[in-house]
C-alpha atoms as a PDB file:
ATOM      1  CA  MET A   1     -19.463  26.081  -3.747  1.00  0.00           C
ATOM      2  CA  PRO A   2     -18.373  22.427  -3.718  1.00  0.00           C
ATOM      3  CA  LEU A   3     -18.383  20.402  -6.912  1.00  0.00           C
ATOM      4  CA  THR A   4     -21.051  18.156  -5.370  1.00  0.00           C
ATOM      5  CA  LEU A   5     -23.657  20.939  -5.780  1.00  0.00           C
ATOM      6  CA  LEU A   6     -23.381  21.049  -9.570  1.00  0.00           C
ATOM      7  CA  ARG A   7     -26.146  19.488 -11.633  1.00  0.00           C
ATOM      8  CA  PRO A   8     -25.381  17.236 -14.623  1.00  0.00           C
ATOM      9  CA  GLY A   9     -24.380  19.352 -17.607  1.00  0.00           C
ATOM     10  CA  GLU A  10     -23.335  22.381 -15.530  1.00  0.00           C
ATOM     11  CA  LYS A  11     -19.897  23.828 -16.207  1.00  0.00           C
ATOM     12  CA  ALA A  12     -17.724  25.590 -13.661  1.00  0.00           C
ATOM     13  CA  THR A  13     -14.180  26.751 -12.993  1.00  0.00           C
ATOM     14  CA  ILE A  14     -12.152  25.233 -10.177  1.00  0.00           C
ATOM     15  CA  ARG A  15     -11.258  27.889  -7.604  1.00  0.00           C
ATOM     16  CA  ASN A  16      -9.610  25.838  -4.859  1.00  0.00           C
ATOM     17  CA  ILE A  17      -8.911  22.357  -3.546  1.00  0.00           C
ATOM     18  CA  ALA A  18      -9.565  22.159   0.181  1.00  0.00           C
ATOM     19  CA  GLY A  19      -6.744  20.600   2.163  1.00  0.00           C
ATOM     20  CA  LYS A  20      -3.023  20.111   1.707  1.00  0.00           C
ATOM     21  CA  ASP A  21      -3.099  16.443   2.713  1.00  0.00           C
ATOM     22  CA  GLU A  22      -2.692  13.315   0.591  1.00  0.00           C
ATOM     23  CA  ILE A  23      -6.193  13.534  -0.908  1.00  0.00           C
ATOM     24  CA  GLY A  24      -5.726  17.176  -1.878  1.00  0.00           C
ATOM     25  CA  CYS A  25      -2.419  16.300  -3.548  1.00  0.00           C
ATOM     26  CA  ARG A  26      -4.025  13.374  -5.367  1.00  0.00           C
ATOM     27  CA  LEU A  27      -6.810  15.590  -6.712  1.00  0.00           C
ATOM     28  CA  ARG A  28      -4.252  18.120  -7.979  1.00  0.00           C
ATOM     29  CA  THR A  29      -2.253  15.327  -9.627  1.00  0.00           C
ATOM     30  CA  MET A  30      -5.412  14.215 -11.432  1.00  0.00           C
ATOM     31  CA  GLY A  31      -5.698  17.664 -13.035  1.00  0.00           C
ATOM     32  CA  LEU A  32      -8.116  19.314 -10.626  1.00  0.00           C
ATOM     33  CA  VAL A  33      -6.208  22.575 -10.289  1.00  0.00           C
ATOM     34  CA  GLU A  34      -7.166  26.235  -9.873  1.00  0.00           C
ATOM     35  CA  GLY A  35      -8.490  27.738 -13.082  1.00  0.00           C
ATOM     36  CA  ALA A  36      -9.312  24.428 -14.758  1.00  0.00           C
ATOM     37  CA  ALA A  37     -12.681  24.166 -16.483  1.00  0.00           C
ATOM     38  CA  THR A  38     -14.846  21.305 -15.290  1.00  0.00           C
ATOM     39  CA  GLU A  39     -18.267  19.875 -16.093  1.00  0.00           C
ATOM     40  CA  LEU A  40     -20.402  17.424 -14.163  1.00  0.00           C
ATOM     41  CA  ILE A  41     -21.377  14.622 -16.505  1.00  0.00           C
ATOM     42  CA  THR A  42     -23.375  12.490 -14.087  1.00  0.00           C
ATOM     43  CA  SER A  43     -23.845  11.813 -10.412  1.00  0.00           C
ATOM     44  CA  ASP A  44     -25.034   8.469  -9.055  1.00  0.00           C
ATOM     45  CA  ASN A  45     -25.314   7.693  -5.340  1.00  0.00           C
ATOM     46  CA  ASN A  46     -21.727   8.147  -4.158  1.00  0.00           C
ATOM     47  CA  ILE A  47     -19.894   8.494  -7.507  1.00  0.00           C
ATOM     48  CA  MET A  48     -19.562  11.582  -9.694  1.00  0.00           C
ATOM     49  CA  LEU A  49     -18.259  11.545 -13.259  1.00  0.00           C
ATOM     50  CA  VAL A  50     -16.652  14.874 -14.145  1.00  0.00           C
ATOM     51  CA  LYS A  51     -14.895  16.225 -17.194  1.00  0.00           C
ATOM     52  CA  VAL A  52     -11.736  18.249 -16.602  1.00  0.00           C
ATOM     53  CA  GLY A  53     -10.212  19.555 -19.802  1.00  0.00           C
ATOM     54  CA  GLU A  54     -10.463  16.592 -22.166  1.00  0.00           C
ATOM     55  CA  CYS A  55     -10.298  13.945 -19.403  1.00  0.00           C
ATOM     56  CA  ARG A  56     -13.137  12.219 -17.574  1.00  0.00           C
ATOM     57  CA  LEU A  57     -12.655  11.378 -13.931  1.00  0.00           C
ATOM     58  CA  ALA A  58     -14.737   9.375 -11.464  1.00  0.00           C
ATOM     59  CA  LEU A  59     -14.718  10.796  -7.931  1.00  0.00           C
ATOM     60  CA  ASP A  60     -16.537   9.743  -4.816  1.00  0.00           C
ATOM     61  CA  LYS A  61     -18.606  12.522  -3.270  1.00  0.00           C
ATOM     62  CA  GLY A  62     -16.204  12.845  -0.328  1.00  0.00           C
ATOM     63  CA  MET A  63     -13.364  13.768  -2.669  1.00  0.00           C
ATOM     64  CA  ALA A  64     -15.594  15.887  -4.900  1.00  0.00           C
ATOM     65  CA  SER A  65     -16.775  17.935  -1.913  1.00  0.00           C
ATOM     66  CA  ARG A  66     -13.208  19.202  -1.489  1.00  0.00           C
ATOM     67  CA  VAL A  67     -13.184  20.721  -4.985  1.00  0.00           C
ATOM     68  CA  ILE A  68     -14.457  24.309  -4.731  1.00  0.00           C
ATOM     69  CA  VAL A  69     -15.876  25.717  -7.982  1.00  0.00           C
ATOM     70  CA  ALA A  70     -17.496  28.874  -9.329  1.00  0.00           C
ATOM     71  CA  LEU A  71     -20.069  28.976 -12.120  1.00  0.00           C
END
């Protein structure tokens, strides 16, 4: 399921990043890689704040929808 379907406080493991284009590469560079643990901190309108490892990242929902996770 896409990261956008998580509720605040839910934890998941990243399974895949959809796309091999520039955005997919950027997400991988930011630490969103297969097997990484992630948690949705908050979601507001078009911005999601997620925790990946010990880092917090702000993603728009378009980018976040490309991150496929499993609970």
